[in-house]
C-alpha atoms as a PDB file:
ATOM      1  CA  MET A   1     -22.403 -28.224  10.354  1.00  0.00           C
ATOM      2  CA  ARG A   2     -19.549 -25.745  10.136  1.00  0.00           C
ATOM      3  CA  TRP A   3     -20.663 -22.232   9.223  1.00  0.00           C
ATOM      4  CA  ASN A   4     -18.155 -19.926   7.508  1.00  0.00           C
ATOM      5  CA  PHE A   5     -18.904 -16.194   7.418  1.00  0.00           C
ATOM      6  CA  LEU A   6     -16.931 -15.559   4.229  1.00  0.00           C
ATOM      7  CA  ALA A   7     -18.684 -18.369   2.386  1.00  0.00           C
ATOM      8  CA  ALA A   8     -22.016 -16.895   3.430  1.00  0.00           C
ATOM      9  CA  PHE A   9     -21.195 -13.457   2.021  1.00  0.00           C
ATOM     10  CA  GLN A  10     -22.473 -12.911  -1.497  1.00  0.00           C
ATOM     11  CA  SER A  11     -21.055  -9.858  -3.255  1.00  0.00           C
ATOM     12  CA  VAL A  12     -22.109  -8.370  -6.576  1.00  0.00           C
ATOM     13  CA  MET A  13     -19.257 -10.255  -8.294  1.00  0.00           C
ATOM     14  CA  GLY A  14     -20.077 -13.600  -6.618  1.00  0.00           C
ATOM     15  CA  PRO A  15     -19.319 -15.438  -3.387  1.00  0.00           C
ATOM     16  CA  VAL A  16     -16.316 -14.323  -1.345  1.00  0.00           C
ATOM     17  CA  ARG A  17     -13.810 -17.024  -0.362  1.00  0.00           C
ATOM     18  CA  GLY A  18     -10.943 -16.939   2.124  1.00  0.00           C
ATOM     19  CA  GLY A  19      -8.387 -17.043  -0.688  1.00  0.00           C
ATOM     20  CA  ASP A  20      -9.883 -13.876  -2.145  1.00  0.00           C
ATOM     21  CA  ILE A  21      -9.391 -12.071   1.153  1.00  0.00           C
ATOM     22  CA  SER A  22      -5.749 -13.141   1.438  1.00  0.00           C
ATOM     23  CA  GLN A  23      -5.076 -12.027  -2.153  1.00  0.00           C
ATOM     24  CA  ALA A  24      -6.708  -8.678  -1.419  1.00  0.00           C
ATOM     25  CA  PHE A  25      -4.529  -8.185   1.676  1.00  0.00           C
ATOM     26  CA  GLY A  26      -1.422  -9.090  -0.331  1.00  0.00           C
ATOM     27  CA  LEU A  27      -2.279  -6.575  -3.023  1.00  0.00           C
ATOM     28  CA  MET A  28      -3.084  -3.917  -0.435  1.00  0.00           C
ATOM     29  CA  GLY A  29       0.267  -4.530   1.281  1.00  0.00           C
ATOM     30  CA  LYS A  30       2.162  -4.153  -1.987  1.00  0.00           C
ATOM     31  CA  GLY A  31       0.356  -0.881  -2.662  1.00  0.00           C
ATOM     32  CA  MET A  32       1.194   0.464   0.783  1.00  0.00           C
ATOM     33  CA  VAL A  33       4.869  -0.469   0.359  1.00  0.00           C
ATOM     34  CA  GLY A  34       4.878   1.253  -3.039  1.00  0.00           C
ATOM     35  CA  ILE A  35       3.427   4.438  -1.548  1.00  0.00           C
ATOM     36  CA  PHE A  36       6.024   4.366   1.244  1.00  0.00           C
ATOM     37  CA  ILE A  37       8.869   3.961  -1.278  1.00  0.00           C
ATOM     38  CA  VAL A  38       7.620   6.900  -3.369  1.00  0.00           C
ATOM     39  CA  MET A  39       7.328   9.082  -0.257  1.00  0.00           C
ATOM     40  CA  LEU A  40      10.879   8.129   0.743  1.00  0.00           C
ATOM     41  CA  LEU A  41      12.211   8.962  -2.737  1.00  0.00           C
ATOM     42  CA  ILE A  42      10.491  12.365  -2.718  1.00  0.00           C
ATOM     43  CA  TYR A  43      11.974  13.076   0.719  1.00  0.00           C
ATOM     44  CA  LEU A  44      15.467  12.099  -0.452  1.00  0.00           C
ATOM     45  CA  VAL A  45      15.194  14.311  -3.547  1.00  0.00           C
ATOM     46  CA  ILE A  46      14.161  17.259  -1.358  1.00  0.00           C
ATOM     47  CA  VAL A  47      17.084  16.685   1.028  1.00  0.00           C
ATOM     48  CA  ILE A  48      19.569  16.409  -1.850  1.00  0.00           C
ATOM     49  CA  LEU A  49      18.218  19.540  -3.544  1.00  0.00           C
ATOM     50  CA  ASN A  50      18.374  21.489  -0.274  1.00  0.00           C
ATOM     51  CA  LYS A  51      22.010  20.479   0.263  1.00  0.00           C
ATOM     52  CA  THR A  52      23.113  21.258  -3.286  1.00  0.00           C
ATOM     53  CA  THR A  53      21.313  24.608  -3.579  1.00  0.00           C
ATOM     54  CA  LYS A  54      22.124  25.870  -0.100  1.00  0.00           C
ATOM     55  CA  ASN A  55      23.075  29.526   0.029  1.00  0.00           C
ATOM     56  CA  SER A  56      26.569  29.691   1.583  1.00  0.00           C
ATOM     57  CA  ASP A  57      26.410  33.460   2.255  1.00  0.00           C
ATOM     58  CA  LYS A  58      25.139  34.271   5.732  1.00  0.00           C
END
């Protein structure tokens, strides 16, 4: 008999299957990419604002 750990796990919402885990990792990856893109956009806005508002008198 083949024993599968994920099939043996019973959560509050029901049994956990391997497909559920792969969907969760896919969703987590999309969220991490989204956070990275937002951080990159904020960085680019800061760089652009620093270049455009730079004080030329020194």
